[in-house]
PDB file of N, CA and C in Angstrom:
ATOM      1  N   VAL A   1      67.893 253.966  93.214  1.00  0.00           N
ATOM      2  CA  VAL A   1      67.036 253.423  94.451  1.00  0.00           C
ATOM      3  C   VAL A   1      67.570 251.940  94.611  1.00  0.00           C
ATOM      4  N   GLN A   2      68.293 251.714  95.722  1.00  0.00           N
ATOM      5  CA  GLN A   2      68.748 250.331  95.887  1.00  0.00           C
ATOM      6  C   GLN A   2      69.121 250.112  97.340  1.00  0.00           C
ATOM      7  N   LEU A   3      69.144 248.784  97.688  1.00  0.00           N
ATOM      8  CA  LEU A   3      69.722 248.242  98.882  1.00  0.00           C
ATOM      9  C   LEU A   3      70.721 247.381  98.619  1.00  0.00           C
ATOM     10  N   VAL A   4      71.909 247.549  99.263  1.00  0.00           N
ATOM     11  CA  VAL A   4      73.047 246.627  99.046  1.00  0.00           C
ATOM     12  C   VAL A   4      73.443 246.077 100.304  1.00  0.00           C
ATOM     13  N   GLU A   5      73.401 244.677 100.431  1.00  0.00           N
ATOM     14  CA  GLU A   5      73.801 243.920 101.520  1.00  0.00           C
ATOM     15  C   GLU A   5      75.213 243.388 101.488  1.00  0.00           C
ATOM     16  N   SER A   6      75.708 243.339 102.610  1.00  0.00           N
ATOM     17  CA  SER A   6      77.077 242.756 102.714  1.00  0.00           C
ATOM     18  C   SER A   6      77.296 242.079 104.081  1.00  0.00           C
ATOM     19  N   GLY A   7      78.447 241.382 104.179  1.00  0.00           N
ATOM     20  CA  GLY A   7      78.803 240.897 105.446  1.00  0.00           C
ATOM     21  C   GLY A   7      78.454 239.338 105.827  1.00  0.00           C
ATOM     22  N   GLY A   8      77.919 238.764 104.786  1.00  0.00           N
ATOM     23  CA  GLY A   8      77.728 237.263 105.052  1.00  0.00           C
ATOM     24  C   GLY A   8      78.886 236.506 104.872  1.00  0.00           C
ATOM     25  N   GLY A   9      78.783 235.244 105.178  1.00  0.00           N
ATOM     26  CA  GLY A   9      79.951 234.434 105.138  1.00  0.00           C
ATOM     27  C   GLY A   9      79.649 233.084 105.834  1.00  0.00           C
ATOM     28  N   LEU A  10      80.682 232.321 106.142  1.00  0.00           N
ATOM     29  CA  LEU A  10      80.732 230.982 106.694  1.00  0.00           C
ATOM     30  C   LEU A  10      81.206 231.250 108.143  1.00  0.00           C
ATOM     31  N   VAL A  11      80.607 230.749 109.243  1.00  0.00           N
ATOM     32  CA  VAL A  11      80.903 230.875 110.450  1.00  0.00           C
ATOM     33  C   VAL A  11      80.492 229.535 111.156  1.00  0.00           C
ATOM     34  N   GLN A  12      81.162 229.307 112.381  1.00  0.00           N
ATOM     35  CA  GLN A  12      80.983 228.116 113.040  1.00  0.00           C
ATOM     36  C   GLN A  12      79.949 228.257 114.184  1.00  0.00           C
ATOM     37  N   ALA A  13      79.113 227.370 114.454  1.00  0.00           N
ATOM     38  CA  ALA A  13      78.012 227.480 115.393  1.00  0.00           C
ATOM     39  C   ALA A  13      78.546 228.156 116.626  1.00  0.00           C
ATOM     40  N   GLY A  14      77.720 229.087 117.177  1.00  0.00           N
ATOM     41  CA  GLY A  14      78.202 229.933 118.360  1.00  0.00           C
ATOM     42  C   GLY A  14      78.833 231.131 117.982  1.00  0.00           C
ATOM     43  N   GLY A  15      79.304 231.299 116.868  1.00  0.00           N
ATOM     44  CA  GLY A  15      79.958 232.519 116.312  1.00  0.00           C
ATOM     45  C   GLY A  15      79.008 233.771 116.074  1.00  0.00           C
ATOM     46  N   SER A  16      79.657 234.683 115.527  1.00  0.00           N
ATOM     47  CA  SER A  16      78.831 235.955 115.195  1.00  0.00           C
ATOM     48  C   SER A  16      79.142 236.480 113.884  1.00  0.00           C
ATOM     49  N   LEU A  17      78.086 237.206 113.249  1.00  0.00           N
ATOM     50  CA  LEU A  17      78.375 237.851 112.028  1.00  0.00           C
ATOM     51  C   LEU A  17      77.715 239.204 112.131  1.00  0.00           C
ATOM     52  N   ARG A  18      78.072 240.291 111.492  1.00  0.00           N
ATOM     53  CA  ARG A  18      77.272 241.587 111.278  1.00  0.00           C
ATOM     54  C   ARG A  18      77.014 241.738 109.853  1.00  0.00           C
ATOM     55  N   LEU A  19      75.691 241.823 109.477  1.00  0.00           N
ATOM     56  CA  LEU A  19      75.298 242.130 108.166  1.00  0.00           C
ATOM     57  C   LEU A  19      75.035 243.530 107.996  1.00  0.00           C
ATOM     58  N   SER A  20      75.344 244.100 106.963  1.00  0.00           N
ATOM     59  CA  SER A  20      75.072 245.547 106.558  1.00  0.00           C
ATOM     60  C   SER A  20      74.105 245.673 105.341  1.00  0.00           C
ATOM     61  N   CYS A  21      73.296 246.756 105.412  1.00  0.00           N
ATOM     62  CA  CYS A  21      72.336 246.984 104.316  1.00  0.00           C
ATOM     63  C   CYS A  21      72.577 248.545 104.124  1.00  0.00           C
ATOM     64  N   ALA A  22      73.108 248.862 102.960  1.00  0.00           N
ATOM     65  CA  ALA A  22      73.320 250.397 102.633  1.00  0.00           C
ATOM     66  C   ALA A  22      72.123 250.903 101.853  1.00  0.00           C
ATOM     67  N   LEU A  23      71.519 251.969 102.321  1.00  0.00           N
ATOM     68  CA  LEU A  23      70.459 252.552 101.449  1.00  0.00           C
ATOM     69  C   LEU A  23      70.859 253.478 100.478  1.00  0.00           C
ATOM     70  N   SER A  24      70.466 253.494  99.375  1.00  0.00           N
ATOM     71  CA  SER A  24      70.700 254.504  98.365  1.00  0.00           C
ATOM     72  C   SER A  24      69.549 255.027  97.637  1.00  0.00           C
ATOM     73  N   GLY A  25      69.188 256.204  97.792  1.00  0.00           N
ATOM     74  CA  GLY A  25      67.911 256.826  97.262  1.00  0.00           C
ATOM     75  C   GLY A  25      66.764 256.480  97.863  1.00  0.00           C
ATOM     76  N   ILE A  26      66.825 255.926  99.099  1.00  0.00           N
ATOM     77  CA  ILE A  26      65.754 255.599  99.865  1.00  0.00           C
ATOM     78  C   ILE A  26      65.727 256.341 101.152  1.00  0.00           C
ATOM     79  N   ALA A  27      64.708 256.868 101.756  1.00  0.00           N
ATOM     80  CA  ALA A  27      64.647 257.413 102.968  1.00  0.00           C
ATOM     81  C   ALA A  27      64.324 256.372 104.035  1.00  0.00           C
ATOM     82  N   PHE A  28      65.027 256.432 105.130  1.00  0.00           N
ATOM     83  CA  PHE A  28      64.695 255.545 106.223  1.00  0.00           C
ATOM     84  C   PHE A  28      63.266 255.724 106.814  1.00  0.00           C
ATOM     85  N   ASN A  29      62.556 254.635 106.837  1.00  0.00           N
ATOM     86  CA  ASN A  29      61.267 254.718 107.448  1.00  0.00           C
ATOM     87  C   ASN A  29      61.161 253.414 108.332  1.00  0.00           C
ATOM     88  N   THR A  30      60.908 252.200 107.652  1.00  0.00           N
ATOM     89  CA  THR A  30      60.895 250.884 108.212  1.00  0.00           C
ATOM     90  C   THR A  30      61.779 250.129 107.420  1.00  0.00           C
ATOM     91  N   MET A  31      62.642 249.359 108.082  1.00  0.00           N
ATOM     92  CA  MET A  31      63.521 248.445 107.527  1.00  0.00           C
ATOM     93  C   MET A  31      63.436 247.086 108.117  1.00  0.00           C
ATOM     94  N   ALA A  32      63.526 246.041 107.407  1.00  0.00           N
ATOM     95  CA  ALA A  32      63.366 244.591 107.847  1.00  0.00           C
ATOM     96  C   ALA A  32      64.315 243.664 107.267  1.00  0.00           C
ATOM     97  N   TRP A  33      64.754 242.717 107.993  1.00  0.00           N
ATOM     98  CA  TRP A  33      65.654 241.597 107.557  1.00  0.00           C
ATOM     99  C   TRP A  33      64.773 240.408 107.511  1.00  0.00           C
ATOM    100  N   TYR A  34      65.146 239.664 106.425  1.00  0.00           N
ATOM    101  CA  TYR A  34      64.467 238.393 106.171  1.00  0.00           C
ATOM    102  C   TYR A  34      65.614 237.321 105.853  1.00  0.00           C
ATOM    103  N   ARG A  35      65.247 236.068 105.942  1.00  0.00           N
ATOM    104  CA  ARG A  35      66.173 235.030 105.440  1.00  0.00           C
ATOM    105  C   ARG A  35      65.438 233.957 104.788  1.00  0.00           C
ATOM    106  N   GLN A  36      65.972 233.293 103.915  1.00  0.00           N
ATOM    107  CA  GLN A  36      65.398 232.205 103.244  1.00  0.00           C
ATOM    108  C   GLN A  36      66.429 231.079 103.024  1.00  0.00           C
ATOM    109  N   ALA A  37      66.049 229.912 103.786  1.00  0.00           N
ATOM    110  CA  ALA A  37      66.854 228.723 103.687  1.00  0.00           C
ATOM    111  C   ALA A  37      66.325 227.885 102.441  1.00  0.00           C
ATOM    112  N   PRO A  38      67.157 227.119 101.941  1.00  0.00           N
ATOM    113  CA  PRO A  38      67.075 226.201 100.752  1.00  0.00           C
ATOM    114  C   PRO A  38      65.762 225.446 100.957  1.00  0.00           C
ATOM    115  N   GLY A  39      64.764 225.556 100.028  1.00  0.00           N
ATOM    116  CA  GLY A  39      63.452 224.732 100.231  1.00  0.00           C
ATOM    117  C   GLY A  39      62.446 225.257 101.189  1.00  0.00           C
ATOM    118  N   LYS A  40      62.809 226.425 101.678  1.00  0.00           N
ATOM    119  CA  LYS A  40      61.896 226.895 102.708  1.00  0.00           C
ATOM    120  C   LYS A  40      61.378 228.350 102.334  1.00  0.00           C
ATOM    121  N   GLN A  41      60.299 228.808 102.967  1.00  0.00           N
ATOM    122  CA  GLN A  41      59.763 230.085 102.675  1.00  0.00           C
ATOM    123  C   GLN A  41      60.512 231.170 103.351  1.00  0.00           C
ATOM    124  N   ARG A  42      60.586 232.277 102.718  1.00  0.00           N
ATOM    125  CA  ARG A  42      61.349 233.446 103.405  1.00  0.00           C
ATOM    126  C   ARG A  42      60.722 233.680 104.791  1.00  0.00           C
ATOM    127  N   GLU A  43      61.491 234.070 105.679  1.00  0.00           N
ATOM    128  CA  GLU A  43      61.167 234.255 107.051  1.00  0.00           C
ATOM    129  C   GLU A  43      61.643 235.576 107.504  1.00  0.00           C
ATOM    130  N   TRP A  44      60.850 236.333 108.331  1.00  0.00           N
ATOM    131  CA  TRP A  44      61.154 237.549 108.900  1.00  0.00           C
ATOM    132  C   TRP A  44      62.022 237.253 110.088  1.00  0.00           C
ATOM    133  N   VAL A  45      63.142 238.119 110.266  1.00  0.00           N
ATOM    134  CA  VAL A  45      64.012 238.065 111.278  1.00  0.00           C
ATOM    135  C   VAL A  45      64.297 239.258 112.095  1.00  0.00           C
ATOM    136  N   ALA A  46      63.849 240.462 111.687  1.00  0.00           N
ATOM    137  CA  ALA A  46      64.253 241.626 112.519  1.00  0.00           C
ATOM    138  C   ALA A  46      63.512 242.796 111.594  1.00  0.00           C
ATOM    139  N   GLN A  47      63.144 243.827 112.548  1.00  0.00           N
ATOM    140  CA  GLN A  47      62.489 244.928 111.894  1.00  0.00           C
ATOM    141  C   GLN A  47      63.021 246.295 112.806  1.00  0.00           C
ATOM    142  N   ILE A  48      63.126 247.363 112.145  1.00  0.00           N
ATOM    143  CA  ILE A  48      63.628 248.556 112.854  1.00  0.00           C
ATOM    144  C   ILE A  48      62.673 249.619 112.178  1.00  0.00           C
ATOM    145  N   SER A  49      62.129 250.566 112.915  1.00  0.00           N
ATOM    146  CA  SER A  49      61.281 251.677 112.424  1.00  0.00           C
ATOM    147  C   SER A  49      61.845 253.001 112.878  1.00  0.00           C
ATOM    148  N   SER A  50      61.355 254.025 112.241  1.00  0.00           N
ATOM    149  CA  SER A  50      61.973 255.365 112.658  1.00  0.00           C
ATOM    150  C   SER A  50      61.394 255.560 114.155  1.00  0.00           C
ATOM    151  N   GLY A  51      62.245 256.124 114.883  1.00  0.00           N
ATOM    152  CA  GLY A  51      62.133 256.258 116.252  1.00  0.00           C
ATOM    153  C   GLY A  51      62.866 255.051 116.947  1.00  0.00           C
ATOM    154  N   ALA A  52      63.519 254.227 116.172  1.00  0.00           N
ATOM    155  CA  ALA A  52      64.483 253.074 116.599  1.00  0.00           C
ATOM    156  C   ALA A  52      63.693 252.107 117.399  1.00  0.00           C
ATOM    157  N   ASN A  53      62.421 251.738 117.155  1.00  0.00           N
ATOM    158  CA  ASN A  53      61.631 250.717 117.650  1.00  0.00           C
ATOM    159  C   ASN A  53      62.130 249.431 116.851  1.00  0.00           C
ATOM    160  N   THR A  54      62.364 248.446 117.531  1.00  0.00           N
ATOM    161  CA  THR A  54      62.815 247.132 117.044  1.00  0.00           C
ATOM    162  C   THR A  54      61.852 245.968 117.382  1.00  0.00           C
ATOM    163  N   PHE A  55      61.864 245.032 116.448  1.00  0.00           N
ATOM    164  CA  PHE A  55      60.871 243.865 116.701  1.00  0.00           C
ATOM    165  C   PHE A  55      61.595 242.642 116.151  1.00  0.00           C
ATOM    166  N   TYR A  56      61.440 241.575 116.903  1.00  0.00           N
ATOM    167  CA  TYR A  56      62.038 240.231 116.418  1.00  0.00           C
ATOM    168  C   TYR A  56      61.227 239.089 116.739  1.00  0.00           C
ATOM    169  N   PRO A  57      61.199 238.118 115.854  1.00  0.00           N
ATOM    170  CA  PRO A  57      60.510 236.771 116.207  1.00  0.00           C
ATOM    171  C   PRO A  57      61.173 236.205 117.293  1.00  0.00           C
ATOM    172  N   ASP A  58      60.584 235.182 117.894  1.00  0.00           N
ATOM    173  CA  ASP A  58      61.167 234.567 119.033  1.00  0.00           C
ATOM    174  C   ASP A  58      62.401 233.871 118.587  1.00  0.00           C
ATOM    175  N   SER A  59      62.494 233.403 117.214  1.00  0.00           N
ATOM    176  CA  SER A  59      63.722 232.748 116.904  1.00  0.00           C
ATOM    177  C   SER A  59      65.054 233.512 117.044  1.00  0.00           C
ATOM    178  N   ALA A  60      64.877 234.922 116.922  1.00  0.00           N
ATOM    179  CA  ALA A  60      65.912 235.863 116.926  1.00  0.00           C
ATOM    180  C   ALA A  60      66.107 236.577 118.235  1.00  0.00           C
ATOM    181  N   LYS A  61      65.171 236.632 119.020  1.00  0.00           N
ATOM    182  CA  LYS A  61      65.249 237.447 120.322  1.00  0.00           C
ATOM    183  C   LYS A  61      66.432 236.999 121.025  1.00  0.00           C
ATOM    184  N   GLY A  62      67.075 238.015 121.709  1.00  0.00           N
ATOM    185  CA  GLY A  62      68.194 237.816 122.509  1.00  0.00           C
ATOM    186  C   GLY A  62      69.435 237.447 121.726  1.00  0.00           C
ATOM    187  N   ARG A  63      69.433 237.179 120.547  1.00  0.00           N
ATOM    188  CA  ARG A  63      70.723 236.721 119.573  1.00  0.00           C
ATOM    189  C   ARG A  63      70.997 237.729 118.538  1.00  0.00           C
ATOM    190  N   PHE A  64      69.815 238.447 117.874  1.00  0.00           N
ATOM    191  CA  PHE A  64      69.999 239.272 116.951  1.00  0.00           C
ATOM    192  C   PHE A  64      69.667 240.745 117.237  1.00  0.00           C
ATOM    193  N   THR A  65      70.426 241.714 116.824  1.00  0.00           N
ATOM    194  CA  THR A  65      70.188 243.089 117.063  1.00  0.00           C
ATOM    195  C   THR A  65      70.226 243.848 115.871  1.00  0.00           C
ATOM    196  N   VAL A  66      69.062 244.604 115.392  1.00  0.00           N
ATOM    197  CA  VAL A  66      69.062 245.494 114.333  1.00  0.00           C
ATOM    198  C   VAL A  66      69.309 246.844 114.721  1.00  0.00           C
ATOM    199  N   SER A  67      69.920 247.637 113.900  1.00  0.00           N
ATOM    200  CA  SER A  67      70.247 248.944 114.207  1.00  0.00           C
ATOM    201  C   SER A  67      70.365 249.838 113.072  1.00  0.00           C
ATOM    202  N   PHE A  68      70.315 251.124 113.015  1.00  0.00           N
ATOM    203  CA  PHE A  68      70.393 251.995 111.869  1.00  0.00           C
ATOM    204  C   PHE A  68      71.428 253.140 112.144  1.00  0.00           C
ATOM    205  N   ASP A  69      72.389 253.261 111.271  1.00  0.00           N
ATOM    206  CA  ASP A  69      73.372 254.317 111.532  1.00  0.00           C
ATOM    207  C   ASP A  69      73.057 255.579 110.513  1.00  0.00           C
ATOM    208  N   ASN A  70      72.579 256.499 111.120  1.00  0.00           N
ATOM    209  CA  ASN A  70      71.860 257.622 110.211  1.00  0.00           C
ATOM    210  C   ASN A  70      72.992 258.287 109.453  1.00  0.00           C
ATOM    211  N   ALA A  71      74.252 258.405 109.964  1.00  0.00           N
ATOM    212  CA  ALA A  71      75.372 259.092 109.286  1.00  0.00           C
ATOM    213  C   ALA A  71      75.770 258.291 108.069  1.00  0.00           C
ATOM    214  N   LYS A  72      75.730 256.946 108.177  1.00  0.00           N
ATOM    215  CA  LYS A  72      76.194 256.134 107.045  1.00  0.00           C
ATOM    216  C   LYS A  72      74.967 255.577 106.280  1.00  0.00           C
ATOM    217  N   ASN A  73      73.761 255.892 106.624  1.00  0.00           N
ATOM    218  CA  ASN A  73      72.502 255.517 105.990  1.00  0.00           C
ATOM    219  C   ASN A  73      72.538 253.987 105.783  1.00  0.00           C
ATOM    220  N   THR A  74      72.802 253.278 106.720  1.00  0.00           N
ATOM    221  CA  THR A  74      73.037 251.890 106.783  1.00  0.00           C
ATOM    222  C   THR A  74      72.338 251.331 107.896  1.00  0.00           C
ATOM    223  N   VAL A  75      71.729 250.089 107.643  1.00  0.00           N
ATOM    224  CA  VAL A  75      71.104 249.271 108.648  1.00  0.00           C
ATOM    225  C   VAL A  75      71.995 248.028 108.889  1.00  0.00           C
ATOM    226  N   TYR A  76      72.005 247.607 110.150  1.00  0.00           N
ATOM    227  CA  TYR A  76      72.914 246.562 110.516  1.00  0.00           C
ATOM    228  C   TYR A  76      72.191 245.471 111.148  1.00  0.00           C
ATOM    229  N   LEU A  77      72.549 244.224 110.958  1.00  0.00           N
ATOM    230  CA  LEU A  77      71.947 242.979 111.730  1.00  0.00           C
ATOM    231  C   LEU A  77      73.113 242.316 112.389  1.00  0.00           C
ATOM    232  N   GLN A  78      73.159 242.586 113.718  1.00  0.00           N
ATOM    233  CA  GLN A  78      74.255 241.819 114.485  1.00  0.00           C
ATOM    234  C   GLN A  78      73.665 240.368 114.871  1.00  0.00           C
ATOM    235  N   MET A  79      74.307 239.409 114.414  1.00  0.00           N
ATOM    236  CA  MET A  79      73.885 238.061 114.851  1.00  0.00           C
ATOM    237  C   MET A  79      74.878 237.260 115.677  1.00  0.00           C
ATOM    238  N   ASN A  80      74.550 237.038 116.953  1.00  0.00           N
ATOM    239  CA  ASN A  80      75.370 236.194 117.823  1.00  0.00           C
ATOM    240  C   ASN A  80      74.718 234.960 118.204  1.00  0.00           C
ATOM    241  N   SER A  81      75.605 234.120 118.727  1.00  0.00           N
ATOM    242  CA  SER A  81      75.205 232.654 119.113  1.00  0.00           C
ATOM    243  C   SER A  81      74.547 231.989 117.973  1.00  0.00           C
ATOM    244  N   LEU A  82      75.283 232.166 116.816  1.00  0.00           N
ATOM    245  CA  LEU A  82      74.599 231.549 115.550  1.00  0.00           C
ATOM    246  C   LEU A  82      74.457 229.991 115.568  1.00  0.00           C
ATOM    247  N   LYS A  83      73.417 229.499 115.003  1.00  0.00           N
ATOM    248  CA  LYS A  83      73.012 228.100 115.009  1.00  0.00           C
ATOM    249  C   LYS A  83      73.026 227.717 113.428  1.00  0.00           C
ATOM    250  N   PRO A  84      73.256 226.465 113.240  1.00  0.00           N
ATOM    251  CA  PRO A  84      73.133 225.916 111.847  1.00  0.00           C
ATOM    252  C   PRO A  84      71.892 226.182 111.148  1.00  0.00           C
ATOM    253  N   GLU A  85      70.592 226.385 111.997  1.00  0.00           N
ATOM    254  CA  GLU A  85      69.430 226.685 111.344  1.00  0.00           C
ATOM    255  C   GLU A  85      69.177 228.152 110.896  1.00  0.00           C
ATOM    256  N   ASP A  86      70.329 228.881 111.367  1.00  0.00           N
ATOM    257  CA  ASP A  86      70.202 230.333 110.918  1.00  0.00           C
ATOM    258  C   ASP A  86      70.879 230.582 109.419  1.00  0.00           C
ATOM    259  N   THR A  87      71.284 229.225 108.742  1.00  0.00           N
ATOM    260  CA  THR A  87      71.815 229.303 107.488  1.00  0.00           C
ATOM    261  C   THR A  87      70.734 229.742 106.436  1.00  0.00           C
ATOM    262  N   GLY A  88      71.112 230.641 105.542  1.00  0.00           N
ATOM    263  CA  GLY A  88      70.216 230.984 104.667  1.00  0.00           C
ATOM    264  C   GLY A  88      70.708 232.221 103.901  1.00  0.00           C
ATOM    265  N   VAL A  89      70.036 232.755 102.936  1.00  0.00           N
ATOM    266  CA  VAL A  89      70.322 233.946 102.191  1.00  0.00           C
ATOM    267  C   VAL A  89      69.414 235.076 103.013  1.00  0.00           C
ATOM    268  N   TYR A  90      70.182 236.175 103.420  1.00  0.00           N
ATOM    269  CA  TYR A  90      69.523 237.253 104.181  1.00  0.00           C
ATOM    270  C   TYR A  90      69.409 238.442 103.347  1.00  0.00           C
ATOM    271  N   TYR A  91      68.148 238.944 103.405  1.00  0.00           N
ATOM    272  CA  TYR A  91      67.775 240.075 102.616  1.00  0.00           C
ATOM    273  C   TYR A  91      67.352 241.145 103.564  1.00  0.00           C
ATOM    274  N   CYS A  92      67.688 242.426 103.086  1.00  0.00           N
ATOM    275  CA  CYS A  92      67.009 243.625 103.784  1.00  0.00           C
ATOM    276  C   CYS A  92      65.990 244.169 102.801  1.00  0.00           C
ATOM    277  N   ALA A  93      64.962 244.661 103.465  1.00  0.00           N
ATOM    278  CA  ALA A  93      63.837 245.372 102.738  1.00  0.00           C
ATOM    279  C   ALA A  93      63.404 246.668 103.247  1.00  0.00           C
ATOM    280  N   ALA A  94      63.048 247.490 102.368  1.00  0.00           N
ATOM    281  CA  ALA A  94      62.640 248.893 103.000  1.00  0.00           C
ATOM    282  C   ALA A  94      61.062 248.970 102.763  1.00  0.00           C
ATOM    283  N   PHE A  95      60.501 249.535 103.675  1.00  0.00           N
ATOM    284  CA  PHE A  95      58.899 249.826 103.479  1.00  0.00           C
ATOM    285  C   PHE A  95      58.688 251.165 104.008  1.00  0.00           C
ATOM    286  N   PRO A  96      57.705 251.776 103.398  1.00  0.00           N
ATOM    287  CA  PRO A  96      56.696 251.351 102.388  1.00  0.00           C
ATOM    288  C   PRO A  96      57.050 251.141 100.917  1.00  0.00           C
ATOM    289  N   SER A  97      58.427 251.464 100.596  1.00  0.00           N
ATOM    290  CA  SER A  97      58.675 251.490  99.189  1.00  0.00           C
ATOM    291  C   SER A  97      58.756 250.085  98.622  1.00  0.00           C
ATOM    292  N   GLY A  98      58.949 249.013  99.463  1.00  0.00           N
ATOM    293  CA  GLY A  98      59.091 247.691  98.847  1.00  0.00           C
ATOM    294  C   GLY A  98      60.299 247.383  98.108  1.00  0.00           C
ATOM    295  N   VAL A  99      61.339 248.017  98.349  1.00  0.00           N
ATOM    296  CA  VAL A  99      62.560 247.834  97.618  1.00  0.00           C
ATOM    297  C   VAL A  99      63.300 246.686  98.639  1.00  0.00           C
ATOM    298  N   TRP A 100      63.940 245.781  97.829  1.00  0.00           N
ATOM    299  CA  TRP A 100      64.625 244.646  98.447  1.00  0.00           C
ATOM    300  C   TRP A 100      66.065 244.558  97.996  1.00  0.00           C
ATOM    301  N   GLY A 101      66.950 244.160  98.763  1.00  0.00           N
ATOM    302  CA  GLY A 101      68.328 244.017  98.492  1.00  0.00           C
ATOM    303  C   GLY A 101      68.515 242.711  97.733  1.00  0.00           C
ATOM    304  N   GLN A 102      69.781 242.422  97.286  1.00  0.00           N
ATOM    305  CA  GLN A 102      70.038 241.137  96.482  1.00  0.00           C
ATOM    306  C   GLN A 102      70.342 240.111  97.352  1.00  0.00           C
ATOM    307  N   GLY A 103      70.516 240.175  98.504  1.00  0.00           N
ATOM    308  CA  GLY A 103      70.873 239.093  99.494  1.00  0.00           C
ATOM    309  C   GLY A 103      72.180 238.859  99.726  1.00  0.00           C
ATOM    310  N   THR A 104      72.473 238.255 100.870  1.00  0.00           N
ATOM    311  CA  THR A 104      73.880 237.872 101.285  1.00  0.00           C
ATOM    312  C   THR A 104      73.829 236.477 101.832  1.00  0.00           C
ATOM    313  N   GLN A 105      74.676 235.582 101.526  1.00  0.00           N
ATOM    314  CA  GLN A 105      74.560 234.294 102.082  1.00  0.00           C
ATOM    315  C   GLN A 105      75.362 234.248 103.460  1.00  0.00           C
ATOM    316  N   VAL A 106      74.497 233.500 104.298  1.00  0.00           N
ATOM    317  CA  VAL A 106      75.087 233.298 105.735  1.00  0.00           C
ATOM    318  C   VAL A 106      75.040 231.703 105.761  1.00  0.00           C
ATOM    319  N   THR A 107      76.213 231.134 106.207  1.00  0.00           N
ATOM    320  CA  THR A 107      76.353 229.623 106.415  1.00  0.00           C
ATOM    321  C   THR A 107      76.845 229.488 107.729  1.00  0.00           C
ATOM    322  N   VAL A 108      76.071 228.664 108.451  1.00  0.00           N
ATOM    323  CA  VAL A 108      76.675 228.356 109.914  1.00  0.00           C
ATOM    324  C   VAL A 108      76.805 226.913 109.949  1.00  0.00           C
ATOM    325  N   SER A 109      78.181 226.608 110.277  1.00  0.00           N
ATOM    326  CA  SER A 109      78.507 225.134 110.313  1.00  0.00           C
ATOM    327  C   SER A 109      78.418 224.482 111.822  1.00  0.00           C
ATOM    328  N   SER A 110      78.021 223.266 111.865  1.00  0.00           N
ATOM    329  CA  SER A 110      77.870 222.745 113.130  1.00  0.00           C
ATOM    330  C   SER A 110      79.220 222.034 113.543  1.00  0.00           C
TER     331      SER A 110
END
């Protein structure tokens, strides 16, 4: 039972990244993405539930898109128009199981 994130990296402000979260041994129900910047609390950035309902905080609306590929059992987070304040370690999490991935670093340079 695990979640494995990938796709992080260094990008300039205004650029894009797509994060992936591969589910292993976990049935898709509700998946969420969070991020944590140095010295700050973990922050929720996107959620997708069965039925493909998606939710975002104001900070991500219009820039981030979460999706699920059933064939690949993978959740994606497409991030566009990235800002330096989007920098942090991004985690995916599965609910209600409460399983978290190991995180992937995203750094946005100004």
